[in-house]
């Protein structure tokens, strides 16, 4: 039961972080996006990638190597 609750909590946290990252990137101007090498159409993909990298680094620091 605890495992299921942890999984649901983790999924909700990931979804909230993804939405916040996408919102922050969409708030940037086209010029700011260009400065960081990003086109508006690539925001969602970059956001997903960023959160995946963050998750892997967090898991590595917690000793959860996959």
N, C-alpha and C. Protein backbone atom coordinates (compact mmCIF):
# COMPACT_ATOMS: atom_id res chain seq x y z
N UNK A 1 0.84 -1.20 0.00
CA UNK A 1 0.00 0.00 0.00
C UNK A 1 0.88 1.26 0.00
N UNK A 2 1.92 1.26 0.81
CA UNK A 2 2.82 2.41 0.88
C UNK A 2 3.51 2.62 -0.46
N UNK A 3 3.88 1.54 -1.13
CA UNK A 3 4.52 1.64 -2.43
C UNK A 3 3.60 2.31 -3.45
N UNK A 4 2.32 1.96 -3.41
CA UNK A 4 1.35 2.54 -4.33
C UNK A 4 1.19 4.04 -4.06
N UNK A 5 1.11 4.41 -2.81
CA UNK A 5 0.98 5.82 -2.44
C UNK A 5 2.22 6.60 -2.87
N UNK A 6 3.40 6.01 -2.66
CA UNK A 6 4.64 6.66 -3.09
C UNK A 6 4.67 6.84 -4.60
N UNK A 7 4.21 5.83 -5.35
CA UNK A 7 4.19 5.91 -6.81
C UNK A 7 3.24 7.01 -7.29
N UNK A 8 2.08 7.09 -6.68
CA UNK A 8 1.11 8.13 -7.04
C UNK A 8 1.65 9.51 -6.70
N UNK A 9 2.24 9.64 -5.52
CA UNK A 9 2.82 10.91 -5.10
C UNK A 9 3.93 11.34 -6.06
N UNK A 10 4.78 10.41 -6.45
CA UNK A 10 5.87 10.70 -7.38
C UNK A 10 5.33 11.12 -8.74
N UNK A 11 4.30 10.44 -9.23
CA UNK A 11 3.71 10.78 -10.52
C UNK A 11 3.10 12.17 -10.49
N UNK A 12 2.41 12.50 -9.42
CA UNK A 12 1.81 13.84 -9.28
C UNK A 12 2.89 14.92 -9.19
N UNK A 13 3.97 14.62 -8.47
CA UNK A 13 5.07 15.57 -8.36
C UNK A 13 5.72 15.81 -9.71
N UNK A 14 5.95 14.73 -10.47
CA UNK A 14 6.54 14.86 -11.80
C UNK A 14 5.65 15.69 -12.73
N UNK A 15 4.35 15.44 -12.67
CA UNK A 15 3.41 16.18 -13.53
C UNK A 15 3.40 17.67 -13.16
N UNK A 16 3.41 17.96 -11.87
CA UNK A 16 3.42 19.35 -11.40
C UNK A 16 4.71 20.04 -11.83
N UNK A 17 5.85 19.36 -11.69
CA UNK A 17 7.13 19.94 -12.09
C UNK A 17 7.19 20.15 -13.60
N UNK A 18 6.65 19.21 -14.37
CA UNK A 18 6.63 19.35 -15.82
C UNK A 18 5.80 20.57 -16.23
N UNK A 19 4.62 20.71 -15.65
CA UNK A 19 3.77 21.87 -15.97
C UNK A 19 4.46 23.17 -15.61
N UNK A 20 5.11 23.22 -14.46
CA UNK A 20 5.80 24.44 -14.03
C UNK A 20 6.96 24.78 -14.95
N UNK A 21 7.70 23.76 -15.38
CA UNK A 21 8.83 23.98 -16.29
C UNK A 21 8.34 24.49 -17.64
N UNK A 22 7.29 23.87 -18.17
CA UNK A 22 6.73 24.30 -19.45
C UNK A 22 6.21 25.73 -19.35
N UNK A 23 5.53 26.04 -18.26
CA UNK A 23 5.00 27.39 -18.06
C UNK A 23 6.13 28.42 -18.01
N UNK A 24 7.21 28.09 -17.30
CA UNK A 24 8.34 29.01 -17.19
C UNK A 24 9.01 29.24 -18.54
N UNK A 25 9.16 28.18 -19.32
CA UNK A 25 9.77 28.31 -20.63
C UNK A 25 8.87 29.10 -21.59
N UNK A 26 7.57 28.86 -21.53
CA UNK A 26 6.64 29.60 -22.38
C UNK A 26 6.60 31.09 -22.00
N UNK A 27 6.96 31.41 -20.79
CA UNK A 27 6.97 32.82 -20.35
C UNK A 27 8.13 33.60 -20.94
N UNK A 28 9.15 32.90 -21.44
CA UNK A 28 10.29 33.57 -22.05
C UNK A 28 9.90 34.14 -23.41
N UNK A 29 10.55 35.22 -23.78
CA UNK A 29 10.31 35.81 -25.10
C UNK A 29 10.98 34.94 -26.16
N UNK A 30 10.60 35.16 -27.42
CA UNK A 30 11.24 34.42 -28.51
C UNK A 30 12.74 34.70 -28.55
N UNK A 31 13.13 35.91 -28.26
CA UNK A 31 14.55 36.26 -28.24
C UNK A 31 15.29 35.50 -27.14
N UNK A 32 14.68 35.43 -25.95
CA UNK A 32 15.31 34.69 -24.84
C UNK A 32 15.44 33.21 -25.18
N UNK A 33 14.39 32.66 -25.80
CA UNK A 33 14.45 31.26 -26.20
C UNK A 33 15.55 31.04 -27.23
N UNK A 34 15.65 31.96 -28.18
CA UNK A 34 16.70 31.85 -29.20
C UNK A 34 18.08 31.90 -28.55
N UNK A 35 18.24 32.76 -27.54
CA UNK A 35 19.52 32.89 -26.85
C UNK A 35 19.97 31.57 -26.21
N UNK A 36 19.01 30.77 -25.77
CA UNK A 36 19.37 29.49 -25.16
C UNK A 36 19.25 28.33 -26.15
N UNK A 37 19.04 28.67 -27.42
CA UNK A 37 19.01 27.66 -28.47
C UNK A 37 17.75 26.84 -28.52
N UNK A 38 16.64 27.45 -28.18
CA UNK A 38 15.38 26.72 -28.12
C UNK A 38 14.31 27.42 -28.94
N UNK A 39 13.55 26.65 -29.68
CA UNK A 39 12.40 27.17 -30.41
C UNK A 39 11.16 26.85 -29.60
N UNK A 40 10.18 27.70 -29.69
CA UNK A 40 8.95 27.53 -28.91
C UNK A 40 8.33 26.14 -29.12
N UNK A 41 8.45 25.60 -30.32
CA UNK A 41 7.85 24.28 -30.60
C UNK A 41 8.57 23.14 -29.87
N UNK A 42 9.77 23.40 -29.37
CA UNK A 42 10.53 22.36 -28.68
C UNK A 42 10.44 22.41 -27.17
N UNK A 43 9.63 23.31 -26.65
CA UNK A 43 9.57 23.51 -25.19
C UNK A 43 9.18 22.23 -24.45
N UNK A 44 8.12 21.57 -24.89
CA UNK A 44 7.66 20.38 -24.16
C UNK A 44 8.72 19.29 -24.14
N UNK A 45 9.36 19.06 -25.27
CA UNK A 45 10.41 18.03 -25.33
C UNK A 45 11.59 18.34 -24.43
N UNK A 46 11.99 19.60 -24.43
CA UNK A 46 13.11 20.02 -23.58
C UNK A 46 12.72 19.89 -22.10
N UNK A 47 11.51 20.27 -21.78
CA UNK A 47 11.05 20.18 -20.39
C UNK A 47 11.06 18.73 -19.91
N UNK A 48 10.58 17.83 -20.74
CA UNK A 48 10.57 16.41 -20.38
C UNK A 48 12.00 15.92 -20.19
N UNK A 49 12.89 16.30 -21.10
CA UNK A 49 14.29 15.90 -21.00
C UNK A 49 14.96 16.43 -19.75
N UNK A 50 14.70 17.69 -19.42
CA UNK A 50 15.28 18.29 -18.22
C UNK A 50 14.85 17.56 -16.96
N UNK A 51 13.57 17.24 -16.89
CA UNK A 51 13.07 16.56 -15.70
C UNK A 51 13.61 15.13 -15.61
N UNK A 52 13.81 14.49 -16.75
CA UNK A 52 14.37 13.13 -16.75
C UNK A 52 15.82 13.16 -16.25
N UNK A 53 16.59 14.13 -16.72
CA UNK A 53 17.98 14.28 -16.25
C UNK A 53 17.99 14.54 -14.75
N UNK A 54 17.12 15.42 -14.30
CA UNK A 54 17.05 15.74 -12.87
C UNK A 54 16.70 14.50 -12.05
N UNK A 55 15.74 13.71 -12.55
CA UNK A 55 15.33 12.49 -11.83
C UNK A 55 16.50 11.52 -11.73
N UNK A 56 17.22 11.34 -12.83
CA UNK A 56 18.36 10.41 -12.82
C UNK A 56 19.44 10.88 -11.85
N UNK A 57 19.72 12.16 -11.84
CA UNK A 57 20.73 12.69 -10.92
C UNK A 57 20.29 12.53 -9.46
N UNK A 58 19.00 12.80 -9.21
CA UNK A 58 18.48 12.63 -7.85
C UNK A 58 18.58 11.18 -7.41
N UNK A 59 18.17 10.28 -8.30
CA UNK A 59 18.21 8.86 -7.96
C UNK A 59 19.64 8.40 -7.74
N UNK A 60 20.58 8.90 -8.56
CA UNK A 60 21.99 8.53 -8.41
C UNK A 60 22.51 9.00 -7.06
N UNK A 61 22.14 10.21 -6.66
CA UNK A 61 22.61 10.72 -5.38
C UNK A 61 22.00 9.99 -4.20
N UNK A 62 20.83 9.36 -4.44
CA UNK A 62 20.18 8.57 -3.38
C UNK A 62 20.57 7.10 -3.46
N UNK A 63 21.47 6.75 -4.41
CA UNK A 63 21.93 5.38 -4.53
C UNK A 63 20.98 4.46 -5.26
N UNK A 64 20.06 5.00 -6.05
CA UNK A 64 19.09 4.19 -6.82
C UNK A 64 19.55 4.08 -8.26
N UNK A 65 20.69 3.47 -8.48
CA UNK A 65 21.24 3.32 -9.82
C UNK A 65 20.44 2.28 -10.59
N UNK A 66 20.06 2.58 -11.85
CA UNK A 66 19.27 1.65 -12.68
C UNK A 66 20.12 1.02 -13.72
